[in-house]
Amino acid sequence: MKYNLLLIVILALLLFSCSKDKAAAEIIPNSNVCDSINPVSFMNDIDPLLSANCYGCHSSISPIFNDYSSVFAVKDDILKAIQHDPSFSAMPQNSPKLADSLINKVQCWIESGAPNN
């Protein structure tokens, strides 16, 4: 009898104490970083960023960055390199990663169609 009572108590504890309370699903607002950034201009935003961080090495090695059309042709590679995507060489080489705000500008410029403006 003593064991039956103990078994009932253990089963009752297991049955009632193991109920899982599911937390309410976290609601993540549908926000896009580009919504908070003014339209990005190639002339005012992208070209100066590349000039300060990329042209010094890349324009002297090859004509990869010498005008809008050459930048446009490799825009996705540029983004992956400055994001430090493991499948690309991290850029700028031998320098810290660019600020997220600058990387976001490049991404938003690309997402907006990479206009020549």
Protein backbone atom coordinates (compact mmCIF):
# COMPACT_ATOMS: atom_id res chain seq x y z
CA MET A 1 0.00 0.00 0.00
CA LYS A 2 2.85 2.32 0.88
CA TYR A 3 4.42 1.77 -2.57
CA ASN A 4 1.09 2.29 -4.35
CA LEU A 5 0.61 5.64 -2.66
CA LEU A 6 4.18 6.66 -3.49
CA LEU A 7 3.68 5.58 -7.11
CA ILE A 8 0.45 7.61 -7.37
CA VAL A 9 2.14 10.70 -5.94
CA ILE A 10 5.08 10.39 -8.36
CA LEU A 11 2.79 9.86 -11.34
CA ALA A 12 0.64 12.82 -10.30
CA LEU A 13 3.73 15.03 -9.99
CA LEU A 14 5.01 13.94 -13.37
CA LEU A 15 1.67 14.36 -15.04
CA PHE A 16 0.88 17.81 -13.69
CA SER A 17 4.33 19.35 -13.34
CA CYS A 18 5.55 18.53 -16.83
CA SER A 19 3.02 20.51 -18.73
CA LYS A 20 4.72 22.78 -21.20
CA ASP A 21 3.71 26.35 -21.25
CA LYS A 22 4.33 27.64 -24.71
CA ALA A 23 5.54 31.18 -24.82
CA ALA A 24 3.71 33.48 -27.13
CA ALA A 25 5.39 33.69 -30.50
CA GLU A 26 7.68 36.68 -30.73
CA ILE A 27 6.38 39.21 -33.19
CA ILE A 28 9.20 40.67 -35.22
CA PRO A 29 8.25 43.84 -37.00
CA ASN A 30 8.59 43.67 -40.75
CA SER A 31 11.22 46.33 -41.11
CA ASN A 32 13.78 46.76 -43.78
CA VAL A 33 16.99 48.60 -43.04
CA CYS A 34 16.55 50.46 -46.33
CA ASP A 35 13.30 51.98 -45.07
CA SER A 36 15.30 54.10 -42.62
CA ILE A 37 17.98 55.16 -45.11
CA ASN A 38 17.39 57.99 -47.52
CA PRO A 39 17.68 57.02 -51.17
CA VAL A 40 21.30 56.13 -51.78
CA SER A 41 23.14 57.95 -54.52
CA PHE A 42 26.03 56.45 -56.46
CA MET A 43 27.68 59.85 -56.81
CA ASN A 44 27.12 61.05 -53.22
CA ASP A 45 27.30 57.80 -51.22
CA ILE A 46 28.77 54.81 -53.08
CA ASP A 47 31.55 56.44 -55.11
CA PRO A 48 32.98 58.31 -52.07
CA LEU A 49 32.82 55.10 -49.99
CA LEU A 50 34.69 53.18 -52.67
CA SER A 51 37.12 56.03 -53.15
CA ALA A 52 37.98 56.09 -49.44
CA ASN A 53 38.21 52.32 -49.01
CA CYS A 54 38.74 50.53 -52.33
CA TYR A 55 40.02 52.63 -55.23
CA GLY A 56 43.48 53.07 -53.70
CA CYS A 57 44.29 49.39 -54.18
CA HIS A 58 41.90 48.15 -56.83
CA SER A 59 42.17 50.90 -59.41
CA SER A 60 45.97 50.61 -59.48
CA ILE A 61 45.92 46.81 -59.77
CA SER A 62 43.29 46.61 -62.47
CA PRO A 63 40.62 48.79 -63.98
CA ILE A 64 38.00 47.02 -61.84
CA PHE A 65 36.87 50.31 -60.27
CA ASN A 66 37.17 53.19 -62.63
CA ASP A 67 33.59 54.25 -63.31
CA TYR A 68 29.96 53.49 -62.59
CA SER A 69 29.67 50.67 -65.12
CA SER A 70 32.70 48.80 -63.74
CA VAL A 71 31.35 49.11 -60.19
CA PHE A 72 27.87 48.06 -61.34
CA ALA A 73 29.31 44.93 -62.95
CA VAL A 74 30.77 43.69 -59.64
CA LYS A 75 28.34 45.26 -57.17
CA ASP A 76 27.24 41.95 -55.63
CA ASP A 77 30.85 40.85 -55.15
CA ILE A 78 31.67 44.20 -53.55
CA LEU A 79 28.81 43.74 -51.07
CA LYS A 80 29.89 40.22 -50.16
CA ALA A 81 33.51 41.29 -49.72
CA ILE A 82 32.68 44.20 -47.41
CA GLN A 83 30.23 42.02 -45.46
CA HIS A 84 33.13 39.59 -44.89
CA ASP A 85 31.25 36.76 -46.57
CA PRO A 86 33.43 33.66 -46.05
CA SER A 87 33.39 32.87 -49.78
CA PHE A 88 35.15 36.20 -50.57
CA SER A 89 38.32 37.92 -49.46
CA ALA A 90 37.37 40.30 -46.66
CA MET A 91 37.67 43.92 -47.75
CA PRO A 92 39.12 46.38 -47.21
CA GLN A 93 42.12 44.12 -46.98
CA ASN A 94 44.20 44.36 -43.79
CA SER A 95 41.68 46.82 -42.34
CA PRO A 96 38.75 46.49 -39.98
CA LYS A 97 35.33 45.71 -41.38
CA LEU A 98 33.47 48.80 -42.56
CA ALA A 99 30.77 50.21 -40.31
CA ASP A 100 27.39 48.54 -40.68
CA SER A 101 25.89 51.87 -41.72
CA LEU A 102 28.22 51.98 -44.75
CA ILE A 103 27.58 48.34 -45.63
CA ASN A 104 23.84 49.00 -45.36
CA LYS A 105 24.15 51.89 -47.82
CA VAL A 106 25.79 49.62 -50.38
CA GLN A 107 23.13 46.97 -49.82
CA CYS A 108 20.31 49.51 -50.16
CA TRP A 109 21.86 50.96 -53.30
CA ILE A 110 21.96 47.47 -54.82
CA GLU A 111 18.41 46.64 -53.64
CA SER A 112 17.14 49.84 -55.27
CA GLY A 113 18.54 48.71 -58.62
CA ALA A 114 22.00 50.25 -58.24
CA PRO A 115 21.04 53.46 -60.04
CA ASN A 116 23.61 55.75 -61.62
CA ASN A 117 22.51 58.85 -59.76
